[in-house]
Amino acid sequence: MNRWRIPARLEEEVKERDKTCVYCGVRMIERMPPRGFRKAMATWEHIINDASIVSRENIARCCVACNSSKGTKKLPDWIQSS
C-alpha cells in the first residue's frame, strides 16, 4: 500500500493502464530527469476528490500540470474552467 492508501495490486494495474495523462494525454514520466520538465511527471489522482474512494474507477494517473490545475475542484467544474 502506498502513502495514498492505494493497494500495491491496484497501483500496478493503474500504472499499466495510465501511461499518458488521463486529462491532457501527455506521455508521463515516472522520475524527474536532471534537466527535465516537472509538468510531465506522473501523479496519483482521485477523480472524485475523496481519498477514501480507492477503486480502479476513481484512481488514475495524471501529469503534475493537470493535477495542480485541478487541485480540489470537482471534475466538471475544473473541465469547464479556463
Protein backbone atom coordinates (compact mmCIF):
# COMPACT_ATOMS: atom_id res chain seq x y z
CA MET A 1 0.00 0.00 0.00
CA ASN A 2 1.41 3.40 -0.94
CA ARG A 3 1.10 6.64 1.04
CA TRP A 4 -2.27 7.38 -0.62
CA ARG A 5 -3.54 4.03 0.68
CA ILE A 6 -3.68 2.51 -2.79
CA PRO A 7 -3.05 -1.24 -2.54
CA ALA A 8 0.01 -2.47 -4.46
CA ARG A 9 -2.05 -4.57 -6.88
CA LEU A 10 -4.29 -1.63 -7.82
CA GLU A 11 -1.27 0.69 -8.04
CA GLU A 12 0.40 -1.62 -10.57
CA GLU A 13 -2.83 -2.03 -12.55
CA VAL A 14 -3.35 1.73 -12.82
CA LYS A 15 0.31 2.37 -13.70
CA GLU A 16 0.00 -0.16 -16.52
CA ARG A 17 -3.28 1.38 -17.72
CA ASP A 18 -2.41 5.09 -17.47
CA LYS A 19 0.82 5.69 -19.40
CA THR A 20 -0.47 9.07 -20.57
CA CYS A 21 -2.26 11.74 -18.54
CA VAL A 22 -5.95 10.87 -18.28
CA TYR A 23 -6.80 14.55 -18.81
CA CYS A 24 -4.44 16.05 -21.40
CA GLY A 25 -2.87 12.93 -22.93
CA VAL A 26 0.77 13.91 -22.41
CA ARG A 27 3.16 10.94 -22.14
CA MET A 28 4.16 10.89 -18.47
CA ILE A 29 7.49 10.12 -16.84
CA GLU A 30 7.95 8.34 -13.52
CA ARG A 31 11.07 10.13 -12.31
CA MET A 32 12.30 13.67 -12.69
CA PRO A 33 15.23 13.79 -15.13
CA PRO A 34 18.16 16.04 -14.14
CA ARG A 35 17.10 18.76 -16.59
CA GLY A 36 13.56 17.73 -17.31
CA PHE A 37 10.21 19.40 -17.07
CA ARG A 38 8.36 18.55 -13.88
CA LYS A 39 4.95 19.09 -15.50
CA ALA A 40 5.15 15.69 -17.28
CA MET A 41 5.74 13.79 -14.03
CA ALA A 42 3.11 11.15 -13.26
CA THR A 43 0.98 11.78 -10.16
CA TRP A 44 -1.86 9.94 -8.47
CA GLU A 45 -5.31 11.37 -8.96
CA HIS A 46 -8.60 10.76 -7.21
CA ILE A 47 -11.17 11.62 -9.88
CA ILE A 48 -13.68 12.31 -7.11
CA ASN A 49 -11.66 14.25 -4.52
CA ASP A 50 -12.20 11.76 -1.73
CA ALA A 51 -9.17 9.78 -0.63
CA SER A 52 -11.42 7.15 0.93
CA ILE A 53 -12.67 6.09 -2.54
CA VAL A 54 -9.92 3.72 -3.63
CA SER A 55 -11.14 1.94 -6.74
CA ARG A 56 -9.94 1.48 -10.32
CA GLU A 57 -12.73 3.86 -11.39
CA ASN A 58 -11.63 6.65 -9.04
CA ILE A 59 -7.84 6.23 -9.08
CA ALA A 60 -5.97 7.45 -12.14
CA ARG A 61 -2.63 8.87 -13.17
CA CYS A 62 -2.29 12.38 -14.49
CA CYS A 63 0.54 14.82 -15.08
CA VAL A 64 1.67 17.32 -12.45
CA ALA A 65 0.36 20.20 -14.56
CA CYS A 66 -3.20 18.83 -14.68
CA ASN A 67 -3.16 17.64 -11.07
CA SER A 68 -2.06 21.01 -9.72
CA SER A 69 -4.51 22.83 -12.01
CA LYS A 70 -7.43 20.65 -10.89
CA GLY A 71 -6.48 20.81 -7.22
CA THR A 72 -9.56 20.19 -5.08
CA LYS A 73 -12.05 21.26 -7.74
CA LYS A 74 -14.78 18.85 -8.76
CA LEU A 75 -14.05 17.37 -12.19
CA PRO A 76 -16.98 19.02 -14.04
CA ASP A 77 -16.12 22.43 -12.56
CA TRP A 78 -12.44 22.05 -13.49
CA ILE A 79 -13.17 20.92 -17.05
CA GLN A 80 -15.43 23.95 -17.59
CA SER A 81 -12.92 26.38 -16.11
CA SER A 82 -10.32 28.25 -18.12
